[in-house]
Amino acid sequence: MFDVTVRHLKEVGVGTKFVSAEPLLGPIRMEEDPGLDWLIIGAQTGRRPMQPLNTWVDDLVADAQCWGIKIFCKGNLEGCSIREWPA
């Protein structure tokens, strides 16, 4: 779903493009620049063990930082306290 969403967002002429990846139920990788300004990441509250979620979050955060995307990690993610806002 992430790739489909990003493909559609690239066609939309809006100021701030963002994706809310929550609940994060599997790994998402950004091997190409998705053209996003902001990425919100969250867990499925109370139903998901943190492993392998921590690995998925770490990889997604690293990819977003590589492409200069601001990141907002929801409070239900252990070990991720990034709270950035797009300019």
Protein backbone atom coordinates (compact mmCIF):
# COMPACT_ATOMS: atom_id res chain seq x y z
CA MET A 1 0.00 0.00 0.00
CA PHE A 2 2.87 2.39 0.73
CA ASP A 3 4.16 2.31 -2.85
CA VAL A 4 0.67 2.83 -4.29
CA THR A 5 0.00 5.75 -1.94
CA VAL A 6 3.33 7.41 -2.75
CA ARG A 7 2.74 7.00 -6.48
CA HIS A 8 -0.61 8.80 -6.17
CA LEU A 9 0.82 11.53 -3.93
CA LYS A 10 3.46 12.35 -6.55
CA GLU A 11 0.63 13.31 -8.90
CA VAL A 12 -1.10 15.62 -6.41
CA GLY A 13 -0.20 19.30 -6.28
CA VAL A 14 -0.33 20.01 -2.56
CA GLY A 15 2.01 21.83 -0.21
CA THR A 16 2.91 19.13 2.30
CA LYS A 17 2.91 15.47 1.32
CA PHE A 18 2.85 12.93 4.14
CA VAL A 19 2.08 9.32 4.87
CA SER A 20 0.89 7.96 8.19
CA ALA A 21 2.33 4.46 8.50
CA GLU A 22 0.19 3.22 11.36
CA PRO A 23 -0.35 0.68 12.46
CA LEU A 24 3.00 -0.49 11.12
CA LEU A 25 2.26 -4.15 10.42
CA GLY A 26 5.25 -4.99 8.26
CA PRO A 27 8.50 -3.59 6.89
CA ILE A 28 8.42 -0.58 4.56
CA ARG A 29 11.56 0.38 2.67
CA MET A 30 12.13 3.52 0.58
CA GLU A 31 14.75 2.57 -1.98
CA GLU A 32 13.75 5.53 -4.16
CA ASP A 33 12.93 9.08 -3.09
CA PRO A 34 9.20 8.96 -2.34
CA GLY A 35 8.86 12.74 -2.54
CA LEU A 36 7.40 13.02 0.95
CA ASP A 37 7.77 15.92 3.36
CA TRP A 38 6.65 14.06 6.45
CA LEU A 39 6.29 10.49 7.70
CA ILE A 40 4.24 9.51 10.75
CA ILE A 41 5.05 6.09 12.24
CA GLY A 42 2.96 4.26 14.82
CA ALA A 43 2.44 0.80 16.26
CA GLN A 44 -0.74 -1.19 16.64
CA THR A 45 -1.62 -0.39 20.22
CA GLY A 46 -1.57 -3.35 22.57
CA ARG A 47 -1.57 -6.05 19.92
CA ARG A 48 1.90 -6.20 18.43
CA PRO A 49 5.17 -7.33 20.00
CA MET A 50 7.96 -4.79 19.60
CA GLN A 51 10.16 -7.27 17.72
CA PRO A 52 10.45 -7.22 14.74
CA LEU A 53 8.68 -3.85 14.94
CA ASN A 54 11.83 -2.15 16.26
CA THR A 55 13.78 -3.32 13.20
CA TRP A 56 11.02 -2.14 10.86
CA VAL A 57 10.96 1.28 12.54
CA ASP A 58 14.77 1.61 12.54
CA ASP A 59 14.93 0.79 8.82
CA LEU A 60 12.07 3.14 7.96
CA VAL A 61 13.58 5.99 10.01
CA ALA A 62 16.97 5.46 8.32
CA ASP A 63 15.36 5.54 4.88
CA ALA A 64 13.36 8.69 5.69
CA GLN A 65 16.46 10.45 7.02
CA CYS A 66 18.34 9.46 3.86
CA TRP A 67 15.70 11.26 1.75
CA GLY A 68 15.40 14.28 4.08
CA ILE A 69 11.88 13.41 5.22
CA LYS A 70 10.73 14.77 8.60
CA ILE A 71 9.64 12.01 10.99
CA PHE A 72 7.05 11.87 13.74
CA CYS A 73 7.06 8.71 15.87
CA LYS A 74 3.83 8.16 17.78
CA GLY A 75 4.01 7.66 21.52
CA ASN A 76 3.24 3.95 21.24
CA LEU A 77 6.66 3.20 19.69
CA GLU A 78 9.24 2.16 22.25
CA GLY A 79 12.67 3.57 21.57
CA CYS A 80 11.64 6.12 18.93
CA SER A 81 11.14 9.64 20.22
CA ILE A 82 11.58 11.62 16.99
CA ARG A 83 9.00 14.42 16.80
CA GLU A 84 9.83 16.54 13.74
CA TRP A 85 7.48 18.83 11.82
CA PRO A 86 7.69 19.70 8.14
CA ALA A 87 8.64 23.31 7.35
